[in-house]
Amino acid sequence: VKEDYVEKMEEVEKDRKALMGNTDL
């Protein structure tokens, strides 16, 4: 379960970085 949550956290962090860098997105 921890591995699943770590994967989800990495995905969310990646999306967050993409969103914060692009105002249109």
PDBML (XML) file of the C-alpha atoms, coordinates in Angstrom:
<?xml version="1.0" encoding="UTF-8" ?>
<PDBx:datablock datablockName="MODEL"
   xmlns:PDBx="http://pdbml.pdb.org/schema/pdbx-v50.xsd"
   xmlns:xsi="http://www.w3.org/2001/XMLSchema-instance"
   xsi:schemaLocation="http://pdbml.pdb.org/schema/pdbx-v50.xsd pdbx-v50.xsd">
   <PDBx:atom_siteCategory>
      <PDBx:atom_site id="1">
         <PDBx:B_iso_or_equiv>0.00</PDBx:B_iso_or_equiv>
         <PDBx:Cartn_x>0.000</PDBx:Cartn_x>
         <PDBx:Cartn_y>0.000</PDBx:Cartn_y>
         <PDBx:Cartn_z>0.000</PDBx:Cartn_z>
         <PDBx:auth_asym_id>A</PDBx:auth_asym_id>
         <PDBx:auth_atom_id>CA</PDBx:auth_atom_id>
         <PDBx:auth_comp_id>VAL</PDBx:auth_comp_id>
         <PDBx:auth_seq_id>1</PDBx:auth_seq_id>
         <PDBx:group_PDB>ATOM</PDBx:group_PDB>
         <PDBx:label_alt_id xsi:nil="true" />
         <PDBx:label_asym_id>A</PDBx:label_asym_id>
         <PDBx:label_atom_id>CA</PDBx:label_atom_id>
         <PDBx:label_comp_id>VAL</PDBx:label_comp_id>
         <PDBx:label_entity_id>1</PDBx:label_entity_id>
         <PDBx:label_seq_id>1</PDBx:label_seq_id>
         <PDBx:occupancy>1.00</PDBx:occupancy>
         <PDBx:pdbx_PDB_model_num>1</PDBx:pdbx_PDB_model_num>
         <PDBx:type_symbol>C</PDBx:type_symbol>
      </PDBx:atom_site>
      <PDBx:atom_site id="2">
         <PDBx:B_iso_or_equiv>0.00</PDBx:B_iso_or_equiv>
         <PDBx:Cartn_x>2.891</PDBx:Cartn_x>
         <PDBx:Cartn_y>2.339</PDBx:Cartn_y>
         <PDBx:Cartn_z>0.800</PDBx:Cartn_z>
         <PDBx:auth_asym_id>A</PDBx:auth_asym_id>
         <PDBx:auth_atom_id>CA</PDBx:auth_atom_id>
         <PDBx:auth_comp_id>LYS</PDBx:auth_comp_id>
         <PDBx:auth_seq_id>2</PDBx:auth_seq_id>
         <PDBx:group_PDB>ATOM</PDBx:group_PDB>
         <PDBx:label_alt_id xsi:nil="true" />
         <PDBx:label_asym_id>A</PDBx:label_asym_id>
         <PDBx:label_atom_id>CA</PDBx:label_atom_id>
         <PDBx:label_comp_id>LYS</PDBx:label_comp_id>
         <PDBx:label_entity_id>1</PDBx:label_entity_id>
         <PDBx:label_seq_id>2</PDBx:label_seq_id>
         <PDBx:occupancy>1.00</PDBx:occupancy>
         <PDBx:pdbx_PDB_model_num>1</PDBx:pdbx_PDB_model_num>
         <PDBx:type_symbol>C</PDBx:type_symbol>
      </PDBx:atom_site>
      <PDBx:atom_site id="3">
         <PDBx:B_iso_or_equiv>0.00</PDBx:B_iso_or_equiv>
         <PDBx:Cartn_x>4.390</PDBx:Cartn_x>
         <PDBx:Cartn_y>1.713</PDBx:Cartn_y>
         <PDBx:Cartn_z>-2.641</PDBx:Cartn_z>
         <PDBx:auth_asym_id>A</PDBx:auth_asym_id>
         <PDBx:auth_atom_id>CA</PDBx:auth_atom_id>
         <PDBx:auth_comp_id>GLU</PDBx:auth_comp_id>
         <PDBx:auth_seq_id>3</PDBx:auth_seq_id>
         <PDBx:group_PDB>ATOM</PDBx:group_PDB>
         <PDBx:label_alt_id xsi:nil="true" />
         <PDBx:label_asym_id>A</PDBx:label_asym_id>
         <PDBx:label_atom_id>CA</PDBx:label_atom_id>
         <PDBx:label_comp_id>GLU</PDBx:label_comp_id>
         <PDBx:label_entity_id>1</PDBx:label_entity_id>
         <PDBx:label_seq_id>3</PDBx:label_seq_id>
         <PDBx:occupancy>1.00</PDBx:occupancy>
         <PDBx:pdbx_PDB_model_num>1</PDBx:pdbx_PDB_model_num>
         <PDBx:type_symbol>C</PDBx:type_symbol>
      </PDBx:atom_site>
      <PDBx:atom_site id="4">
         <PDBx:B_iso_or_equiv>0.00</PDBx:B_iso_or_equiv>
         <PDBx:Cartn_x>1.055</PDBx:Cartn_x>
         <PDBx:Cartn_y>2.614</PDBx:Cartn_y>
         <PDBx:Cartn_z>-4.254</PDBx:Cartn_z>
         <PDBx:auth_asym_id>A</PDBx:auth_asym_id>
         <PDBx:auth_atom_id>CA</PDBx:auth_atom_id>
         <PDBx:auth_comp_id>ASP</PDBx:auth_comp_id>
         <PDBx:auth_seq_id>4</PDBx:auth_seq_id>
         <PDBx:group_PDB>ATOM</PDBx:group_PDB>
         <PDBx:label_alt_id xsi:nil="true" />
         <PDBx:label_asym_id>A</PDBx:label_asym_id>
         <PDBx:label_atom_id>CA</PDBx:label_atom_id>
         <PDBx:label_comp_id>ASP</PDBx:label_comp_id>
         <PDBx:label_entity_id>1</PDBx:label_entity_id>
         <PDBx:label_seq_id>4</PDBx:label_seq_id>
         <PDBx:occupancy>1.00</PDBx:occupancy>
         <PDBx:pdbx_PDB_model_num>1</PDBx:pdbx_PDB_model_num>
         <PDBx:type_symbol>C</PDBx:type_symbol>
      </PDBx:atom_site>
      <PDBx:atom_site id="5">
         <PDBx:B_iso_or_equiv>0.00</PDBx:B_iso_or_equiv>
         <PDBx:Cartn_x>0.857</PDBx:Cartn_x>
         <PDBx:Cartn_y>5.846</PDBx:Cartn_y>
         <PDBx:Cartn_z>-2.290</PDBx:Cartn_z>
         <PDBx:auth_asym_id>A</PDBx:auth_asym_id>
         <PDBx:auth_atom_id>CA</PDBx:auth_atom_id>
         <PDBx:auth_comp_id>TYR</PDBx:auth_comp_id>
         <PDBx:auth_seq_id>5</PDBx:auth_seq_id>
         <PDBx:group_PDB>ATOM</PDBx:group_PDB>
         <PDBx:label_alt_id xsi:nil="true" />
         <PDBx:label_asym_id>A</PDBx:label_asym_id>
         <PDBx:label_atom_id>CA</PDBx:label_atom_id>
         <PDBx:label_comp_id>TYR</PDBx:label_comp_id>
         <PDBx:label_entity_id>1</PDBx:label_entity_id>
         <PDBx:label_seq_id>5</PDBx:label_seq_id>
         <PDBx:occupancy>1.00</PDBx:occupancy>
         <PDBx:pdbx_PDB_model_num>1</PDBx:pdbx_PDB_model_num>
         <PDBx:type_symbol>C</PDBx:type_symbol>
      </PDBx:atom_site>
      <PDBx:atom_site id="6">
         <PDBx:B_iso_or_equiv>0.00</PDBx:B_iso_or_equiv>
         <PDBx:Cartn_x>4.454</PDBx:Cartn_x>
         <PDBx:Cartn_y>6.747</PDBx:Cartn_y>
         <PDBx:Cartn_z>-3.128</PDBx:Cartn_z>
         <PDBx:auth_asym_id>A</PDBx:auth_asym_id>
         <PDBx:auth_atom_id>CA</PDBx:auth_atom_id>
         <PDBx:auth_comp_id>VAL</PDBx:auth_comp_id>
         <PDBx:auth_seq_id>6</PDBx:auth_seq_id>
         <PDBx:group_PDB>ATOM</PDBx:group_PDB>
         <PDBx:label_alt_id xsi:nil="true" />
         <PDBx:label_asym_id>A</PDBx:label_asym_id>
         <PDBx:label_atom_id>CA</PDBx:label_atom_id>
         <PDBx:label_comp_id>VAL</PDBx:label_comp_id>
         <PDBx:label_entity_id>1</PDBx:label_entity_id>
         <PDBx:label_seq_id>6</PDBx:label_seq_id>
         <PDBx:occupancy>1.00</PDBx:occupancy>
         <PDBx:pdbx_PDB_model_num>1</PDBx:pdbx_PDB_model_num>
         <PDBx:type_symbol>C</PDBx:type_symbol>
      </PDBx:atom_site>
      <PDBx:atom_site id="7">
         <PDBx:B_iso_or_equiv>0.00</PDBx:B_iso_or_equiv>
         <PDBx:Cartn_x>3.703</PDBx:Cartn_x>
         <PDBx:Cartn_y>6.245</PDBx:Cartn_y>
         <PDBx:Cartn_z>-6.844</PDBx:Cartn_z>
         <PDBx:auth_asym_id>A</PDBx:auth_asym_id>
         <PDBx:auth_atom_id>CA</PDBx:auth_atom_id>
         <PDBx:auth_comp_id>GLU</PDBx:auth_comp_id>
         <PDBx:auth_seq_id>7</PDBx:auth_seq_id>
         <PDBx:group_PDB>ATOM</PDBx:group_PDB>
         <PDBx:label_alt_id xsi:nil="true" />
         <PDBx:label_asym_id>A</PDBx:label_asym_id>
         <PDBx:label_atom_id>CA</PDBx:label_atom_id>
         <PDBx:label_comp_id>GLU</PDBx:label_comp_id>
         <PDBx:label_entity_id>1</PDBx:label_entity_id>
         <PDBx:label_seq_id>7</PDBx:label_seq_id>
         <PDBx:occupancy>1.00</PDBx:occupancy>
         <PDBx:pdbx_PDB_model_num>1</PDBx:pdbx_PDB_model_num>
         <PDBx:type_symbol>C</PDBx:type_symbol>
      </PDBx:atom_site>
      <PDBx:atom_site id="8">
         <PDBx:B_iso_or_equiv>0.00</PDBx:B_iso_or_equiv>
         <PDBx:Cartn_x>0.600</PDBx:Cartn_x>
         <PDBx:Cartn_y>8.434</PDBx:Cartn_y>
         <PDBx:Cartn_z>-6.559</PDBx:Cartn_z>
         <PDBx:auth_asym_id>A</PDBx:auth_asym_id>
         <PDBx:auth_atom_id>CA</PDBx:auth_atom_id>
         <PDBx:auth_comp_id>LYS</PDBx:auth_comp_id>
         <PDBx:auth_seq_id>8</PDBx:auth_seq_id>
         <PDBx:group_PDB>ATOM</PDBx:group_PDB>
         <PDBx:label_alt_id xsi:nil="true" />
         <PDBx:label_asym_id>A</PDBx:label_asym_id>
         <PDBx:label_atom_id>CA</PDBx:label_atom_id>
         <PDBx:label_comp_id>LYS</PDBx:label_comp_id>
         <PDBx:label_entity_id>1</PDBx:label_entity_id>
         <PDBx:label_seq_id>8</PDBx:label_seq_id>
         <PDBx:occupancy>1.00</PDBx:occupancy>
         <PDBx:pdbx_PDB_model_num>1</PDBx:pdbx_PDB_model_num>
         <PDBx:type_symbol>C</PDBx:type_symbol>
      </PDBx:atom_site>
      <PDBx:atom_site id="9">
         <PDBx:B_iso_or_equiv>0.00</PDBx:B_iso_or_equiv>
         <PDBx:Cartn_x>2.586</PDBx:Cartn_x>
         <PDBx:Cartn_y>11.105</PDBx:Cartn_y>
         <PDBx:Cartn_z>-4.720</PDBx:Cartn_z>
         <PDBx:auth_asym_id>A</PDBx:auth_asym_id>
         <PDBx:auth_atom_id>CA</PDBx:auth_atom_id>
         <PDBx:auth_comp_id>MET</PDBx:auth_comp_id>
         <PDBx:auth_seq_id>9</PDBx:auth_seq_id>
         <PDBx:group_PDB>ATOM</PDBx:group_PDB>
         <PDBx:label_alt_id xsi:nil="true" />
         <PDBx:label_asym_id>A</PDBx:label_asym_id>
         <PDBx:label_atom_id>CA</PDBx:label_atom_id>
         <PDBx:label_comp_id>MET</PDBx:label_comp_id>
         <PDBx:label_entity_id>1</PDBx:label_entity_id>
         <PDBx:label_seq_id>9</PDBx:label_seq_id>
         <PDBx:occupancy>1.00</PDBx:occupancy>
         <PDBx:pdbx_PDB_model_num>1</PDBx:pdbx_PDB_model_num>
         <PDBx:type_symbol>C</PDBx:type_symbol>
      </PDBx:atom_site>
      <PDBx:atom_site id="10">
         <PDBx:B_iso_or_equiv>0.00</PDBx:B_iso_or_equiv>
         <PDBx:Cartn_x>5.232</PDBx:Cartn_x>
         <PDBx:Cartn_y>11.125</PDBx:Cartn_y>
         <PDBx:Cartn_z>-7.451</PDBx:Cartn_z>
         <PDBx:auth_asym_id>A</PDBx:auth_asym_id>
         <PDBx:auth_atom_id>CA</PDBx:auth_atom_id>
         <PDBx:auth_comp_id>GLU</PDBx:auth_comp_id>
         <PDBx:auth_seq_id>10</PDBx:auth_seq_id>
         <PDBx:group_PDB>ATOM</PDBx:group_PDB>
         <PDBx:label_alt_id xsi:nil="true" />
         <PDBx:label_asym_id>A</PDBx:label_asym_id>
         <PDBx:label_atom_id>CA</PDBx:label_atom_id>
         <PDBx:label_comp_id>GLU</PDBx:label_comp_id>
         <PDBx:label_entity_id>1</PDBx:label_entity_id>
         <PDBx:label_seq_id>10</PDBx:label_seq_id>
         <PDBx:occupancy>1.00</PDBx:occupancy>
         <PDBx:pdbx_PDB_model_num>1</PDBx:pdbx_PDB_model_num>
         <PDBx:type_symbol>C</PDBx:type_symbol>
      </PDBx:atom_site>
      <PDBx:atom_site id="11">
         <PDBx:B_iso_or_equiv>0.00</PDBx:B_iso_or_equiv>
         <PDBx:Cartn_x>2.536</PDBx:Cartn_x>
         <PDBx:Cartn_y>11.454</PDBx:Cartn_y>
         <PDBx:Cartn_z>-10.114</PDBx:Cartn_z>
         <PDBx:auth_asym_id>A</PDBx:auth_asym_id>
         <PDBx:auth_atom_id>CA</PDBx:auth_atom_id>
         <PDBx:auth_comp_id>GLU</PDBx:auth_comp_id>
         <PDBx:auth_seq_id>11</PDBx:auth_seq_id>
         <PDBx:group_PDB>ATOM</PDBx:group_PDB>
         <PDBx:label_alt_id xsi:nil="true" />
         <PDBx:label_asym_id>A</PDBx:label_asym_id>
         <PDBx:label_atom_id>CA</PDBx:label_atom_id>
         <PDBx:label_comp_id>GLU</PDBx:label_comp_id>
         <PDBx:label_entity_id>1</PDBx:label_entity_id>
         <PDBx:label_seq_id>11</PDBx:label_seq_id>
         <PDBx:occupancy>1.00</PDBx:occupancy>
         <PDBx:pdbx_PDB_model_num>1</PDBx:pdbx_PDB_model_num>
         <PDBx:type_symbol>C</PDBx:type_symbol>
      </PDBx:atom_site>
      <PDBx:atom_site id="12">
         <PDBx:B_iso_or_equiv>0.00</PDBx:B_iso_or_equiv>
         <PDBx:Cartn_x>0.851</PDBx:Cartn_x>
         <PDBx:Cartn_y>14.310</PDBx:Cartn_y>
         <PDBx:Cartn_z>-8.261</PDBx:Cartn_z>
         <PDBx:auth_asym_id>A</PDBx:auth_asym_id>
         <PDBx:auth_atom_id>CA</PDBx:auth_atom_id>
         <PDBx:auth_comp_id>VAL</PDBx:auth_comp_id>
         <PDBx:auth_seq_id>12</PDBx:auth_seq_id>
         <PDBx:group_PDB>ATOM</PDBx:group_PDB>
         <PDBx:label_alt_id xsi:nil="true" />
         <PDBx:label_asym_id>A</PDBx:label_asym_id>
         <PDBx:label_atom_id>CA</PDBx:label_atom_id>
         <PDBx:label_comp_id>VAL</PDBx:label_comp_id>
         <PDBx:label_entity_id>1</PDBx:label_entity_id>
         <PDBx:label_seq_id>12</PDBx:label_seq_id>
         <PDBx:occupancy>1.00</PDBx:occupancy>
         <PDBx:pdbx_PDB_model_num>1</PDBx:pdbx_PDB_model_num>
         <PDBx:type_symbol>C</PDBx:type_symbol>
      </PDBx:atom_site>
      <PDBx:atom_site id="13">
         <PDBx:B_iso_or_equiv>0.00</PDBx:B_iso_or_equiv>
         <PDBx:Cartn_x>4.193</PDBx:Cartn_x>
         <PDBx:Cartn_y>16.072</PDBx:Cartn_y>
         <PDBx:Cartn_z>-7.764</PDBx:Cartn_z>
         <PDBx:auth_asym_id>A</PDBx:auth_asym_id>
         <PDBx:auth_atom_id>CA</PDBx:auth_atom_id>
         <PDBx:auth_comp_id>GLU</PDBx:auth_comp_id>
         <PDBx:auth_seq_id>13</PDBx:auth_seq_id>
         <PDBx:group_PDB>ATOM</PDBx:group_PDB>
         <PDBx:label_alt_id xsi:nil="true" />
         <PDBx:label_asym_id>A</PDBx:label_asym_id>
         <PDBx:label_atom_id>CA</PDBx:label_atom_id>
         <PDBx:label_comp_id>GLU</PDBx:label_comp_id>
         <PDBx:label_entity_id>1</PDBx:label_entity_id>
         <PDBx:label_seq_id>13</PDBx:label_seq_id>
         <PDBx:occupancy>1.00</PDBx:occupancy>
         <PDBx:pdbx_PDB_model_num>1</PDBx:pdbx_PDB_model_num>
         <PDBx:type_symbol>C</PDBx:type_symbol>
      </PDBx:atom_site>
      <PDBx:atom_site id="14">
         <PDBx:B_iso_or_equiv>0.00</PDBx:B_iso_or_equiv>
         <PDBx:Cartn_x>4.950</PDBx:Cartn_x>
         <PDBx:Cartn_y>15.732</PDBx:Cartn_y>
         <PDBx:Cartn_z>-11.480</PDBx:Cartn_z>
         <PDBx:auth_asym_id>A</PDBx:auth_asym_id>
         <PDBx:auth_atom_id>CA</PDBx:auth_atom_id>
         <PDBx:auth_comp_id>LYS</PDBx:auth_comp_id>
         <PDBx:auth_seq_id>14</PDBx:auth_seq_id>
         <PDBx:group_PDB>ATOM</PDBx:group_PDB>
         <PDBx:label_alt_id xsi:nil="true" />
         <PDBx:label_asym_id>A</PDBx:label_asym_id>
         <PDBx:label_atom_id>CA</PDBx:label_atom_id>
         <PDBx:label_comp_id>LYS</PDBx:label_comp_id>
         <PDBx:label_entity_id>1</PDBx:label_entity_id>
         <PDBx:label_seq_id>14</PDBx:label_seq_id>
         <PDBx:occupancy>1.00</PDBx:occupancy>
         <PDBx:pdbx_PDB_model_num>1</PDBx:pdbx_PDB_model_num>
         <PDBx:type_symbol>C</PDBx:type_symbol>
      </PDBx:atom_site>
      <PDBx:atom_site id="15">
         <PDBx:B_iso_or_equiv>0.00</PDBx:B_iso_or_equiv>
         <PDBx:Cartn_x>1.515</PDBx:Cartn_x>
         <PDBx:Cartn_y>17.159</PDBx:Cartn_y>
         <PDBx:Cartn_z>-12.374</PDBx:Cartn_z>
         <PDBx:auth_asym_id>A</PDBx:auth_asym_id>
         <PDBx:auth_atom_id>CA</PDBx:auth_atom_id>
         <PDBx:auth_comp_id>ASP</PDBx:auth_comp_id>
         <PDBx:auth_seq_id>15</PDBx:auth_seq_id>
         <PDBx:group_PDB>ATOM</PDBx:group_PDB>
         <PDBx:label_alt_id xsi:nil="true" />
         <PDBx:label_asym_id>A</PDBx:label_asym_id>
         <PDBx:label_atom_id>CA</PDBx:label_atom_id>
         <PDBx:label_comp_id>ASP</PDBx:label_comp_id>
         <PDBx:label_entity_id>1</PDBx:label_entity_id>
         <PDBx:label_seq_id>15</PDBx:label_seq_id>
         <PDBx:occupancy>1.00</PDBx:occupancy>
         <PDBx:pdbx_PDB_model_num>1</PDBx:pdbx_PDB_model_num>
         <PDBx:type_symbol>C</PDBx:type_symbol>
      </PDBx:atom_site>
      <PDBx:atom_site id="16">
         <PDBx:B_iso_or_equiv>0.00</PDBx:B_iso_or_equiv>
         <PDBx:Cartn_x>1.975</PDBx:Cartn_x>
         <PDBx:Cartn_y>19.966</PDBx:Cartn_y>
         <PDBx:Cartn_z>-9.868</PDBx:Cartn_z>
         <PDBx:auth_asym_id>A</PDBx:auth_asym_id>
         <PDBx:auth_atom_id>CA</PDBx:auth_atom_id>
         <PDBx:auth_comp_id>ARG</PDBx:auth_comp_id>
         <PDBx:auth_seq_id>16</PDBx:auth_seq_id>
         <PDBx:group_PDB>ATOM</PDBx:group_PDB>
         <PDBx:label_alt_id xsi:nil="true" />
         <PDBx:label_asym_id>A</PDBx:label_asym_id>
         <PDBx:label_atom_id>CA</PDBx:label_atom_id>
         <PDBx:label_comp_id>ARG</PDBx:label_comp_id>
         <PDBx:label_entity_id>1</PDBx:label_entity_id>
         <PDBx:label_seq_id>16</PDBx:label_seq_id>
         <PDBx:occupancy>1.00</PDBx:occupancy>
         <PDBx:pdbx_PDB_model_num>1</PDBx:pdbx_PDB_model_num>
         <PDBx:type_symbol>C</PDBx:type_symbol>
      </PDBx:atom_site>
      <PDBx:atom_site id="17">
         <PDBx:B_iso_or_equiv>0.00</PDBx:B_iso_or_equiv>
         <PDBx:Cartn_x>5.295</PDBx:Cartn_x>
         <PDBx:Cartn_y>20.977</PDBx:Cartn_y>
         <PDBx:Cartn_z>-11.357</PDBx:Cartn_z>
         <PDBx:auth_asym_id>A</PDBx:auth_asym_id>
         <PDBx:auth_atom_id>CA</PDBx:auth_atom_id>
         <PDBx:auth_comp_id>LYS</PDBx:auth_comp_id>
         <PDBx:auth_seq_id>17</PDBx:auth_seq_id>
         <PDBx:group_PDB>ATOM</PDBx:group_PDB>
         <PDBx:label_alt_id xsi:nil="true" />
         <PDBx:label_asym_id>A</PDBx:label_asym_id>
         <PDBx:label_atom_id>CA</PDBx:label_atom_id>
         <PDBx:label_comp_id>LYS</PDBx:label_comp_id>
         <PDBx:label_entity_id>1</PDBx:label_entity_id>
         <PDBx:label_seq_id>17</PDBx:label_seq_id>
         <PDBx:occupancy>1.00</PDBx:occupancy>
         <PDBx:pdbx_PDB_model_num>1</PDBx:pdbx_PDB_model_num>
         <PDBx:type_symbol>C</PDBx:type_symbol>
      </PDBx:atom_site>
      <PDBx:atom_site id="18">
         <PDBx:B_iso_or_equiv>0.00</PDBx:B_iso_or_equiv>
         <PDBx:Cartn_x>3.789</PDBx:Cartn_x>
         <PDBx:Cartn_y>20.911</PDBx:Cartn_y>
         <PDBx:Cartn_z>-14.868</PDBx:Cartn_z>
         <PDBx:auth_asym_id>A</PDBx:auth_asym_id>
         <PDBx:auth_atom_id>CA</PDBx:auth_atom_id>
         <PDBx:auth_comp_id>ALA</PDBx:auth_comp_id>
         <PDBx:auth_seq_id>18</PDBx:auth_seq_id>
         <PDBx:group_PDB>ATOM</PDBx:group_PDB>
         <PDBx:label_alt_id xsi:nil="true" />
         <PDBx:label_asym_id>A</PDBx:label_asym_id>
         <PDBx:label_atom_id>CA</PDBx:label_atom_id>
         <PDBx:label_comp_id>ALA</PDBx:label_comp_id>
         <PDBx:label_entity_id>1</PDBx:label_entity_id>
         <PDBx:label_seq_id>18</PDBx:label_seq_id>
         <PDBx:occupancy>1.00</PDBx:occupancy>
         <PDBx:pdbx_PDB_model_num>1</PDBx:pdbx_PDB_model_num>
         <PDBx:type_symbol>C</PDBx:type_symbol>
      </PDBx:atom_site>
      <PDBx:atom_site id="19">
         <PDBx:B_iso_or_equiv>0.00</PDBx:B_iso_or_equiv>
         <PDBx:Cartn_x>0.809</PDBx:Cartn_x>
         <PDBx:Cartn_y>23.011</PDBx:Cartn_y>
         <PDBx:Cartn_z>-13.766</PDBx:Cartn_z>
         <PDBx:auth_asym_id>A</PDBx:auth_asym_id>
         <PDBx:auth_atom_id>CA</PDBx:auth_atom_id>
         <PDBx:auth_comp_id>LEU</PDBx:auth_comp_id>
         <PDBx:auth_seq_id>19</PDBx:auth_seq_id>
         <PDBx:group_PDB>ATOM</PDBx:group_PDB>
         <PDBx:label_alt_id xsi:nil="true" />
         <PDBx:label_asym_id>A</PDBx:label_asym_id>
         <PDBx:label_atom_id>CA</PDBx:label_atom_id>
         <PDBx:label_comp_id>LEU</PDBx:label_comp_id>
         <PDBx:label_entity_id>1</PDBx:label_entity_id>
         <PDBx:label_seq_id>19</PDBx:label_seq_id>
         <PDBx:occupancy>1.00</PDBx:occupancy>
         <PDBx:pdbx_PDB_model_num>1</PDBx:pdbx_PDB_model_num>
         <PDBx:type_symbol>C</PDBx:type_symbol>
      </PDBx:atom_site>
      <PDBx:atom_site id="20">
         <PDBx:B_iso_or_equiv>0.00</PDBx:B_iso_or_equiv>
         <PDBx:Cartn_x>2.831</PDBx:Cartn_x>
         <PDBx:Cartn_y>25.609</PDBx:Cartn_y>
         <PDBx:Cartn_z>-11.920</PDBx:Cartn_z>
         <PDBx:auth_asym_id>A</PDBx:auth_asym_id>
         <PDBx:auth_atom_id>CA</PDBx:auth_atom_id>
         <PDBx:auth_comp_id>MET</PDBx:auth_comp_id>
         <PDBx:auth_seq_id>20</PDBx:auth_seq_id>
         <PDBx:group_PDB>ATOM</PDBx:group_PDB>
         <PDBx:label_alt_id xsi:nil="true" />
         <PDBx:label_asym_id>A</PDBx:label_asym_id>
         <PDBx:label_atom_id>CA</PDBx:label_atom_id>
         <PDBx:label_comp_id>MET</PDBx:label_comp_id>
         <PDBx:label_entity_id>1</PDBx:label_entity_id>
         <PDBx:label_seq_id>20</PDBx:label_seq_id>
         <PDBx:occupancy>1.00</PDBx:occupancy>
         <PDBx:pdbx_PDB_model_num>1</PDBx:pdbx_PDB_model_num>
         <PDBx:type_symbol>C</PDBx:type_symbol>
      </PDBx:atom_site>
      <PDBx:atom_site id="21">
         <PDBx:B_iso_or_equiv>0.00</PDBx:B_iso_or_equiv>
         <PDBx:Cartn_x>5.080</PDBx:Cartn_x>
         <PDBx:Cartn_y>26.135</PDBx:Cartn_y>
         <PDBx:Cartn_z>-14.929</PDBx:Cartn_z>
         <PDBx:auth_asym_id>A</PDBx:auth_asym_id>
         <PDBx:auth_atom_id>CA</PDBx:auth_atom_id>
         <PDBx:auth_comp_id>GLY</PDBx:auth_comp_id>
         <PDBx:auth_seq_id>21</PDBx:auth_seq_id>
         <PDBx:group_PDB>ATOM</PDBx:group_PDB>
         <PDBx:label_alt_id xsi:nil="true" />
         <PDBx:label_asym_id>A</PDBx:label_asym_id>
         <PDBx:label_atom_id>CA</PDBx:label_atom_id>
         <PDBx:label_comp_id>GLY</PDBx:label_comp_id>
         <PDBx:label_entity_id>1</PDBx:label_entity_id>
         <PDBx:label_seq_id>21</PDBx:label_seq_id>
         <PDBx:occupancy>1.00</PDBx:occupancy>
         <PDBx:pdbx_PDB_model_num>1</PDBx:pdbx_PDB_model_num>
         <PDBx:type_symbol>C</PDBx:type_symbol>
      </PDBx:atom_site>
      <PDBx:atom_site id="22">
         <PDBx:B_iso_or_equiv>0.00</PDBx:B_iso_or_equiv>
         <PDBx:Cartn_x>2.316</PDBx:Cartn_x>
         <PDBx:Cartn_y>26.649</PDBx:Cartn_y>
         <PDBx:Cartn_z>-17.501</PDBx:Cartn_z>
         <PDBx:auth_asym_id>A</PDBx:auth_asym_id>
         <PDBx:auth_atom_id>CA</PDBx:auth_atom_id>
         <PDBx:auth_comp_id>ASN</PDBx:auth_comp_id>
         <PDBx:auth_seq_id>22</PDBx:auth_seq_id>
         <PDBx:group_PDB>ATOM</PDBx:group_PDB>
         <PDBx:label_alt_id xsi:nil="true" />
         <PDBx:label_asym_id>A</PDBx:label_asym_id>
         <PDBx:label_atom_id>CA</PDBx:label_atom_id>
         <PDBx:label_comp_id>ASN</PDBx:label_comp_id>
         <PDBx:label_entity_id>1</PDBx:label_entity_id>
         <PDBx:label_seq_id>22</PDBx:label_seq_id>
         <PDBx:occupancy>1.00</PDBx:occupancy>
         <PDBx:pdbx_PDB_model_num>1</PDBx:pdbx_PDB_model_num>
         <PDBx:type_symbol>C</PDBx:type_symbol>
      </PDBx:atom_site>
      <PDBx:atom_site id="23">
         <PDBx:B_iso_or_equiv>0.00</PDBx:B_iso_or_equiv>
         <PDBx:Cartn_x>-0.507</PDBx:Cartn_x>
         <PDBx:Cartn_y>29.170</PDBx:Cartn_y>
         <PDBx:Cartn_z>-16.904</PDBx:Cartn_z>
         <PDBx:auth_asym_id>A</PDBx:auth_asym_id>
         <PDBx:auth_atom_id>CA</PDBx:auth_atom_id>
         <PDBx:auth_comp_id>THR</PDBx:auth_comp_id>
         <PDBx:auth_seq_id>23</PDBx:auth_seq_id>
         <PDBx:group_PDB>ATOM</PDBx:group_PDB>
         <PDBx:label_alt_id xsi:nil="true" />
         <PDBx:label_asym_id>A</PDBx:label_asym_id>
         <PDBx:label_atom_id>CA</PDBx:label_atom_id>
         <PDBx:label_comp_id>THR</PDBx:label_comp_id>
         <PDBx:label_entity_id>1</PDBx:label_entity_id>
         <PDBx:label_seq_id>23</PDBx:label_seq_id>
         <PDBx:occupancy>1.00</PDBx:occupancy>
         <PDBx:pdbx_PDB_model_num>1</PDBx:pdbx_PDB_model_num>
         <PDBx:type_symbol>C</PDBx:type_symbol>
      </PDBx:atom_site>
      <PDBx:atom_site id="24">
         <PDBx:B_iso_or_equiv>0.00</PDBx:B_iso_or_equiv>
         <PDBx:Cartn_x>-2.633</PDBx:Cartn_x>
         <PDBx:Cartn_y>27.866</PDBx:Cartn_y>
         <PDBx:Cartn_z>-19.799</PDBx:Cartn_z>
         <PDBx:auth_asym_id>A</PDBx:auth_asym_id>
         <PDBx:auth_atom_id>CA</PDBx:auth_atom_id>
         <PDBx:auth_comp_id>ASP</PDBx:auth_comp_id>
         <PDBx:auth_seq_id>24</PDBx:auth_seq_id>
         <PDBx:group_PDB>ATOM</PDBx:group_PDB>
         <PDBx:label_alt_id xsi:nil="true" />
         <PDBx:label_asym_id>A</PDBx:label_asym_id>
         <PDBx:label_atom_id>CA</PDBx:label_atom_id>
         <PDBx:label_comp_id>ASP</PDBx:label_comp_id>
         <PDBx:label_entity_id>1</PDBx:label_entity_id>
         <PDBx:label_seq_id>24</PDBx:label_seq_id>
         <PDBx:occupancy>1.00</PDBx:occupancy>
         <PDBx:pdbx_PDB_model_num>1</PDBx:pdbx_PDB_model_num>
         <PDBx:type_symbol>C</PDBx:type_symbol>
      </PDBx:atom_site>
      <PDBx:atom_site id="25">
         <PDBx:B_iso_or_equiv>0.00</PDBx:B_iso_or_equiv>
         <PDBx:Cartn_x>-2.493</PDBx:Cartn_x>
         <PDBx:Cartn_y>24.349</PDBx:Cartn_y>
         <PDBx:Cartn_z>-18.392</PDBx:Cartn_z>
         <PDBx:auth_asym_id>A</PDBx:auth_asym_id>
         <PDBx:auth_atom_id>CA</PDBx:auth_atom_id>
         <PDBx:auth_comp_id>LEU</PDBx:auth_comp_id>
         <PDBx:auth_seq_id>25</PDBx:auth_seq_id>
         <PDBx:group_PDB>ATOM</PDBx:group_PDB>
         <PDBx:label_alt_id xsi:nil="true" />
         <PDBx:label_asym_id>A</PDBx:label_asym_id>
         <PDBx:label_atom_id>CA</PDBx:label_atom_id>
         <PDBx:label_comp_id>LEU</PDBx:label_comp_id>
         <PDBx:label_entity_id>1</PDBx:label_entity_id>
         <PDBx:label_seq_id>25</PDBx:label_seq_id>
         <PDBx:occupancy>1.00</PDBx:occupancy>
         <PDBx:pdbx_PDB_model_num>1</PDBx:pdbx_PDB_model_num>
         <PDBx:type_symbol>C</PDBx:type_symbol>
      </PDBx:atom_site>
   </PDBx:atom_siteCategory>
</PDBx:datablock>
